[in-house]
Each structure stands twice: as structure tokens, then as C-alpha cells.
Amino acid sequence: MRDGIKTWKEAGYSTEGRLKLLNDLIDVNKINFGALCITEKDAKKLKNCTFVDFRDKSKYEKNHIKGANHVDYSDMFSKPMMEELNKSNSLIIIHDAQTVAGVIATTLKLMDYPDVYILK
């Protein structure tokens, strides 16, 4: 949660570690993130792909891929955003900073989104 561990506890979520989460994190670290990078042309060849643009609104409005969903980075993983993303679609993450795109991709993979890519 954005407001830290205190808010997490107040919401009733566990603060104890879980072995499955630890194992999932270990597995994510084995991912070859270079293999997740994809060009726009190759992404459009995928069946049921969704472009998700996490750049700020001004950059999105100035230049974005037609049909891309805009999600403000501060709203990342909000309930409306999660309801909009379909786990059966390939998700193409767009962000100017590749490290941020990698964090987003990693988090989505931990949330069981099977096909996540990072736009080159």
C-alpha cells in the first residue's frame, strides 16, 4: 500500500512472510528481462495484446501508441486498473525508464499475469 506498513496492517493484511511469495520472488529473479523486451511491430503480431502506457499524462497525450491504455504511475495497481487489465491478454508495458518498466513487469508477473512484455 502506498501509505506504508501501518496502513497495510490497518487494512487487515498479514505482515508475516510467506514461503510461496519468497519462492515467487526467487523465480522472478531468474527471468531474462532482455527476453521480455519487444518492439511495437512484434507486439502487434501477438494475439490479444494490450499496450499499457505508464508514462505521465502529458507524455502520453503528446505521443502514444494508438489504442494504448493510459495508467498514471501513481494509480498503478489500483482496483480500476487491475479490473481493466485482462490476464488472458499479453500486456505490453510502456515507460520511459526501462528499470521502472522492469519493476512493473516483475510485479505483474508476481500477480500471475502470464504474458508481460516491455516495449523497446
N, C-alpha and C. Protein backbone atom coordinates (compact mmCIF):
# COMPACT_ATOMS: atom_id res chain seq x y z
N MET A 1 0.85 -1.18 0.00
CA MET A 1 0.00 0.00 0.00
C MET A 1 0.89 1.24 0.00
N ARG A 2 0.41 2.26 -0.64
CA ARG A 2 1.22 3.46 -0.80
C ARG A 2 1.53 4.16 0.52
N ASP A 3 0.68 3.95 1.54
CA ASP A 3 0.89 4.66 2.80
C ASP A 3 1.70 3.85 3.81
N GLY A 4 2.31 2.78 3.35
CA GLY A 4 3.25 2.05 4.19
C GLY A 4 2.64 0.92 4.99
N ILE A 5 3.49 0.35 5.82
CA ILE A 5 3.16 -0.84 6.59
C ILE A 5 2.03 -0.59 7.58
N LYS A 6 1.97 0.62 8.15
CA LYS A 6 0.91 0.94 9.11
C LYS A 6 -0.47 0.80 8.46
N THR A 7 -0.62 1.38 7.28
CA THR A 7 -1.89 1.29 6.57
C THR A 7 -2.17 -0.15 6.15
N TRP A 8 -1.13 -0.86 5.78
CA TRP A 8 -1.25 -2.27 5.40
C TRP A 8 -1.85 -3.06 6.58
N LYS A 9 -1.29 -2.85 7.77
CA LYS A 9 -1.80 -3.54 8.97
C LYS A 9 -3.23 -3.12 9.29
N GLU A 10 -3.51 -1.81 9.19
CA GLU A 10 -4.85 -1.31 9.47
C GLU A 10 -5.89 -1.89 8.52
N ALA A 11 -5.46 -2.23 7.30
CA ALA A 11 -6.37 -2.82 6.32
C ALA A 11 -6.59 -4.31 6.60
N GLY A 12 -5.86 -4.85 7.58
CA GLY A 12 -6.06 -6.24 7.97
C GLY A 12 -5.20 -7.24 7.23
N TYR A 13 -4.20 -6.75 6.47
CA TYR A 13 -3.33 -7.66 5.74
C TYR A 13 -2.23 -8.19 6.64
N SER A 14 -1.82 -9.40 6.35
CA SER A 14 -0.77 -10.06 7.11
C SER A 14 0.57 -9.36 6.88
N THR A 15 1.38 -9.32 7.90
CA THR A 15 2.73 -8.77 7.75
C THR A 15 3.78 -9.85 7.93
N GLU A 16 3.35 -11.09 8.02
CA GLU A 16 4.29 -12.19 8.12
C GLU A 16 4.65 -12.68 6.74
N GLY A 17 5.89 -13.12 6.59
CA GLY A 17 6.33 -13.62 5.30
C GLY A 17 5.66 -14.93 4.94
N ARG A 18 5.58 -15.19 3.66
CA ARG A 18 5.03 -16.44 3.17
C ARG A 18 6.06 -17.09 2.27
N LEU A 19 6.24 -18.38 2.43
CA LEU A 19 7.23 -19.10 1.65
C LEU A 19 6.92 -19.02 0.16
N LYS A 20 5.65 -19.08 -0.24
CA LYS A 20 5.29 -19.01 -1.66
C LYS A 20 5.74 -17.68 -2.26
N LEU A 21 5.51 -16.58 -1.56
CA LEU A 21 5.94 -15.27 -2.07
C LEU A 21 7.45 -15.24 -2.23
N LEU A 22 8.17 -15.75 -1.25
CA LEU A 22 9.63 -15.79 -1.33
C LEU A 22 10.06 -16.60 -2.55
N ASN A 23 9.46 -17.77 -2.74
CA ASN A 23 9.81 -18.60 -3.89
C ASN A 23 9.46 -17.91 -5.21
N ASP A 24 8.32 -17.21 -5.24
CA ASP A 24 7.93 -16.47 -6.44
C ASP A 24 8.95 -15.38 -6.75
N LEU A 25 9.42 -14.68 -5.71
CA LEU A 25 10.44 -13.64 -5.92
C LEU A 25 11.74 -14.23 -6.45
N ILE A 26 12.10 -15.37 -5.94
CA ILE A 26 13.31 -16.05 -6.42
C ILE A 26 13.14 -16.42 -7.88
N ASP A 27 11.96 -16.96 -8.24
CA ASP A 27 11.70 -17.34 -9.63
C ASP A 27 11.73 -16.13 -10.56
N VAL A 28 11.17 -15.00 -10.11
CA VAL A 28 11.17 -13.79 -10.93
C VAL A 28 12.60 -13.35 -11.20
N ASN A 29 13.47 -13.50 -10.23
CA ASN A 29 14.86 -13.08 -10.42
C ASN A 29 15.60 -13.94 -11.44
N LYS A 30 15.01 -15.08 -11.80
CA LYS A 30 15.61 -15.95 -12.81
C LYS A 30 15.18 -15.57 -14.22
N ILE A 31 14.25 -14.64 -14.33
CA ILE A 31 13.73 -14.23 -15.63
C ILE A 31 14.79 -13.44 -16.39
N ASN A 32 14.92 -13.72 -17.64
CA ASN A 32 15.80 -12.97 -18.52
C ASN A 32 15.00 -11.77 -19.04
N PHE A 33 15.16 -10.60 -18.41
CA PHE A 33 14.35 -9.44 -18.77
C PHE A 33 14.65 -8.95 -20.18
N GLY A 34 15.82 -9.23 -20.69
CA GLY A 34 16.10 -8.88 -22.08
C GLY A 34 15.16 -9.60 -23.03
N ALA A 35 14.78 -10.82 -22.66
CA ALA A 35 13.86 -11.59 -23.49
C ALA A 35 12.43 -11.04 -23.43
N LEU A 36 12.13 -10.22 -22.42
CA LEU A 36 10.80 -9.63 -22.31
C LEU A 36 10.64 -8.38 -23.17
N CYS A 37 11.74 -7.82 -23.65
CA CYS A 37 11.68 -6.60 -24.46
C CYS A 37 11.18 -6.94 -25.85
N ILE A 38 10.29 -6.09 -26.35
CA ILE A 38 9.66 -6.36 -27.63
C ILE A 38 9.43 -5.04 -28.37
N THR A 39 9.51 -5.10 -29.69
CA THR A 39 9.24 -3.91 -30.50
C THR A 39 7.73 -3.76 -30.68
N GLU A 40 7.32 -2.57 -31.04
CA GLU A 40 5.89 -2.33 -31.30
C GLU A 40 5.39 -3.23 -32.42
N LYS A 41 6.18 -3.36 -33.46
CA LYS A 41 5.79 -4.19 -34.61
C LYS A 41 5.57 -5.64 -34.19
N ASP A 42 6.51 -6.19 -33.41
CA ASP A 42 6.37 -7.58 -32.95
C ASP A 42 5.22 -7.73 -31.96
N ALA A 43 5.01 -6.72 -31.13
CA ALA A 43 3.91 -6.78 -30.15
C ALA A 43 2.56 -6.85 -30.86
N LYS A 44 2.43 -6.10 -31.93
CA LYS A 44 1.16 -6.09 -32.66
C LYS A 44 0.86 -7.42 -33.35
N LYS A 45 1.86 -8.26 -33.47
CA LYS A 45 1.66 -9.59 -34.05
C LYS A 45 1.11 -10.58 -33.02
N LEU A 46 1.21 -10.23 -31.74
CA LEU A 46 0.72 -11.11 -30.68
C LEU A 46 -0.80 -11.16 -30.68
N LYS A 47 -1.33 -12.30 -30.32
CA LYS A 47 -2.78 -12.44 -30.21
C LYS A 47 -3.22 -11.77 -28.91
N ASN A 48 -4.24 -10.92 -29.01
CA ASN A 48 -4.83 -10.27 -27.82
C ASN A 48 -3.80 -9.51 -26.99
N CYS A 49 -3.12 -8.55 -27.59
CA CYS A 49 -2.17 -7.77 -26.79
C CYS A 49 -2.79 -6.45 -26.38
N THR A 50 -2.40 -5.98 -25.20
CA THR A 50 -2.86 -4.71 -24.65
C THR A 50 -1.64 -3.87 -24.32
N PHE A 51 -1.56 -2.67 -24.90
CA PHE A 51 -0.49 -1.74 -24.57
C PHE A 51 -0.93 -0.94 -23.35
N VAL A 52 -0.07 -0.89 -22.33
CA VAL A 52 -0.37 -0.15 -21.10
C VAL A 52 0.74 0.87 -20.91
N ASP A 53 0.38 2.15 -21.05
CA ASP A 53 1.34 3.25 -21.00
C ASP A 53 1.34 3.85 -19.60
N PHE A 54 2.45 3.69 -18.90
CA PHE A 54 2.58 4.17 -17.52
C PHE A 54 3.30 5.51 -17.43
N ARG A 55 3.54 6.16 -18.56
CA ARG A 55 4.19 7.47 -18.52
C ARG A 55 3.22 8.52 -18.00
N ASP A 56 3.75 9.70 -17.66
CA ASP A 56 2.83 10.73 -17.16
C ASP A 56 1.89 11.17 -18.27
N LYS A 57 0.77 11.75 -17.89
CA LYS A 57 -0.32 12.09 -18.80
C LYS A 57 0.14 12.98 -19.95
N SER A 58 1.00 13.96 -19.67
CA SER A 58 1.43 14.87 -20.73
C SER A 58 2.23 14.14 -21.81
N LYS A 59 3.10 13.22 -21.41
CA LYS A 59 3.86 12.45 -22.39
C LYS A 59 2.94 11.52 -23.17
N TYR A 60 1.99 10.92 -22.49
CA TYR A 60 1.03 10.05 -23.15
C TYR A 60 0.24 10.84 -24.20
N GLU A 61 -0.27 12.00 -23.81
CA GLU A 61 -1.08 12.80 -24.74
C GLU A 61 -0.27 13.32 -25.91
N LYS A 62 1.00 13.61 -25.67
CA LYS A 62 1.86 14.15 -26.73
C LYS A 62 2.16 13.09 -27.79
N ASN A 63 2.40 11.86 -27.34
CA ASN A 63 2.79 10.80 -28.28
C ASN A 63 2.56 9.44 -27.63
N HIS A 64 1.55 8.72 -28.14
CA HIS A 64 1.30 7.37 -27.62
C HIS A 64 0.87 6.45 -28.75
N ILE A 65 0.94 5.18 -28.47
CA ILE A 65 0.51 4.17 -29.43
C ILE A 65 -1.01 4.17 -29.47
N LYS A 66 -1.54 4.19 -30.67
CA LYS A 66 -2.99 4.20 -30.84
C LYS A 66 -3.60 2.99 -30.13
N GLY A 67 -4.61 3.27 -29.31
CA GLY A 67 -5.30 2.21 -28.57
C GLY A 67 -4.67 1.84 -27.24
N ALA A 68 -3.54 2.46 -26.90
CA ALA A 68 -2.88 2.15 -25.63
C ALA A 68 -3.71 2.66 -24.46
N ASN A 69 -3.75 1.88 -23.40
CA ASN A 69 -4.40 2.31 -22.16
C ASN A 69 -3.42 3.15 -21.37
N HIS A 70 -3.87 4.30 -20.87
CA HIS A 70 -3.00 5.11 -20.02
C HIS A 70 -3.31 4.81 -18.56
N VAL A 71 -2.27 4.53 -17.81
CA VAL A 71 -2.38 4.35 -16.36
C VAL A 71 -1.33 5.24 -15.73
N ASP A 72 -1.76 6.23 -14.97
CA ASP A 72 -0.80 7.09 -14.28
C ASP A 72 -0.02 6.23 -13.29
N TYR A 73 1.28 6.42 -13.27
CA TYR A 73 2.14 5.61 -12.40
C TYR A 73 1.67 5.64 -10.94
N SER A 74 1.12 6.78 -10.50
CA SER A 74 0.64 6.88 -9.11
C SER A 74 -0.61 6.04 -8.88
N ASP A 75 -1.33 5.67 -9.95
CA ASP A 75 -2.52 4.83 -9.83
C ASP A 75 -2.23 3.36 -10.14
N MET A 76 -0.96 3.07 -10.32
CA MET A 76 -0.59 1.70 -10.65
C MET A 76 -1.11 0.73 -9.61
N PHE A 77 -1.72 -0.32 -10.07
CA PHE A 77 -2.26 -1.40 -9.25
C PHE A 77 -3.47 -0.99 -8.43
N SER A 78 -4.13 0.09 -8.83
CA SER A 78 -5.40 0.45 -8.21
C SER A 78 -6.45 -0.55 -8.69
N LYS A 79 -7.54 -0.65 -7.98
CA LYS A 79 -8.58 -1.61 -8.34
C LYS A 79 -9.11 -1.36 -9.76
N PRO A 80 -9.41 -0.10 -10.14
CA PRO A 80 -9.89 0.12 -11.52
C PRO A 80 -8.88 -0.33 -12.58
N MET A 81 -7.59 -0.09 -12.32
CA MET A 81 -6.57 -0.51 -13.29
C MET A 81 -6.52 -2.02 -13.39
N MET A 82 -6.57 -2.70 -12.26
CA MET A 82 -6.48 -4.15 -12.25
C MET A 82 -7.70 -4.77 -12.93
N GLU A 83 -8.87 -4.16 -12.77
CA GLU A 83 -10.07 -4.68 -13.42
C GLU A 83 -9.99 -4.50 -14.93
N GLU A 84 -9.28 -3.48 -15.38
CA GLU A 84 -9.17 -3.19 -16.81
C GLU A 84 -8.22 -4.15 -17.52
N LEU A 85 -7.20 -4.62 -16.81
CA LEU A 85 -6.22 -5.50 -17.42
C LEU A 85 -6.70 -6.94 -17.39
N ASN A 86 -6.65 -7.58 -18.53
CA ASN A 86 -7.13 -8.94 -18.66
C ASN A 86 -5.95 -9.90 -18.63
N LYS A 87 -5.98 -10.87 -17.73
CA LYS A 87 -4.87 -11.81 -17.61
C LYS A 87 -4.71 -12.71 -18.83
N SER A 88 -5.73 -12.78 -19.67
CA SER A 88 -5.61 -13.61 -20.87
C SER A 88 -4.96 -12.85 -22.03
N ASN A 89 -4.76 -11.54 -21.87
CA ASN A 89 -4.09 -10.74 -22.89
C ASN A 89 -2.60 -10.64 -22.60
N SER A 90 -1.81 -10.48 -23.65
CA SER A 90 -0.40 -10.15 -23.48
C SER A 90 -0.33 -8.66 -23.16
N LEU A 91 0.36 -8.32 -22.09
CA LEU A 91 0.48 -6.92 -21.69
C LEU A 91 1.83 -6.37 -22.14
N ILE A 92 1.79 -5.22 -22.80
CA ILE A 92 3.00 -4.55 -23.26
C ILE A 92 3.17 -3.30 -22.41
N ILE A 93 4.18 -3.27 -21.57
CA ILE A 93 4.42 -2.17 -20.64
C ILE A 93 5.21 -1.07 -21.35
N ILE A 94 4.72 0.16 -21.22
CA ILE A 94 5.39 1.31 -21.80
C ILE A 94 5.77 2.28 -20.68
N HIS A 95 7.05 2.58 -20.60
CA HIS A 95 7.56 3.60 -19.67
C HIS A 95 8.90 4.07 -20.20
N ASP A 96 9.22 5.34 -19.99
CA ASP A 96 10.48 5.89 -20.49
C ASP A 96 11.70 5.26 -19.83
N ALA A 97 11.57 4.92 -18.56
CA ALA A 97 12.69 4.32 -17.83
C ALA A 97 12.55 2.80 -17.86
N GLN A 98 13.50 2.13 -18.49
CA GLN A 98 13.43 0.68 -18.59
C GLN A 98 13.44 -0.01 -17.23
N THR A 99 14.13 0.58 -16.25
CA THR A 99 14.14 -0.02 -14.92
C THR A 99 12.75 0.01 -14.29
N VAL A 100 12.03 1.11 -14.49
CA VAL A 100 10.66 1.21 -13.97
C VAL A 100 9.76 0.22 -14.70
N ALA A 101 9.92 0.13 -16.02
CA ALA A 101 9.14 -0.84 -16.78
C ALA A 101 9.42 -2.26 -16.29
N GLY A 102 10.68 -2.52 -15.93
CA GLY A 102 11.04 -3.84 -15.39
C GLY A 102 10.37 -4.13 -14.06
N VAL A 103 10.30 -3.12 -13.20
CA VAL A 103 9.63 -3.28 -11.90
C VAL A 103 8.14 -3.56 -12.11
N ILE A 104 7.53 -2.82 -13.03
CA ILE A 104 6.11 -3.03 -13.32
C ILE A 104 5.89 -4.44 -13.86
N ALA A 105 6.73 -4.85 -14.81
CA ALA A 105 6.62 -6.19 -15.39
C ALA A 105 6.80 -7.27 -14.32
N THR A 106 7.78 -7.09 -13.45
CA THR A 106 8.02 -8.05 -12.38
C THR A 106 6.81 -8.16 -11.47
N THR A 107 6.26 -7.04 -11.08
CA THR A 107 5.11 -7.03 -10.19
C THR A 107 3.91 -7.72 -10.85
N LEU A 108 3.67 -7.43 -12.12
CA LEU A 108 2.56 -8.09 -12.81
C LEU A 108 2.77 -9.59 -12.92
N LYS A 109 4.01 -10.01 -13.14
CA LYS A 109 4.30 -11.45 -13.18
C LYS A 109 4.04 -12.09 -11.82
N LEU A 110 4.39 -11.40 -10.74
CA LEU A 110 4.11 -11.92 -9.40
C LEU A 110 2.60 -12.00 -9.13
N MET A 111 1.84 -11.19 -9.86
CA MET A 111 0.38 -11.18 -9.70
C MET A 111 -0.28 -12.13 -10.70
N ASP A 112 0.51 -13.04 -11.26
CA ASP A 112 0.03 -14.10 -12.16
C ASP A 112 -0.45 -13.62 -13.52
N TYR A 113 0.08 -12.50 -14.00
CA TYR A 113 -0.14 -12.12 -15.39
C TYR A 113 0.90 -12.89 -16.19
N PRO A 114 0.47 -13.85 -17.01
CA PRO A 114 1.44 -14.76 -17.64
C PRO A 114 2.29 -14.14 -18.74
N ASP A 115 1.72 -13.28 -19.56
CA ASP A 115 2.45 -12.76 -20.71
C ASP A 115 2.63 -11.25 -20.58
N VAL A 116 3.80 -10.86 -20.07
CA VAL A 116 4.11 -9.45 -19.87
C VAL A 116 5.38 -9.14 -20.64
N TYR A 117 5.35 -8.06 -21.40
CA TYR A 117 6.49 -7.62 -22.18
C TYR A 117 6.78 -6.16 -21.90
N ILE A 118 8.00 -5.74 -22.25
CA ILE A 118 8.41 -4.35 -22.08
C ILE A 118 8.70 -3.79 -23.47
N LEU A 119 8.06 -2.68 -23.81
CA LEU A 119 8.26 -2.09 -25.13
C LEU A 119 9.65 -1.49 -25.23
N LYS A 120 10.37 -1.85 -26.31
CA LYS A 120 11.72 -1.30 -26.56
C LYS A 120 11.62 0.14 -26.96
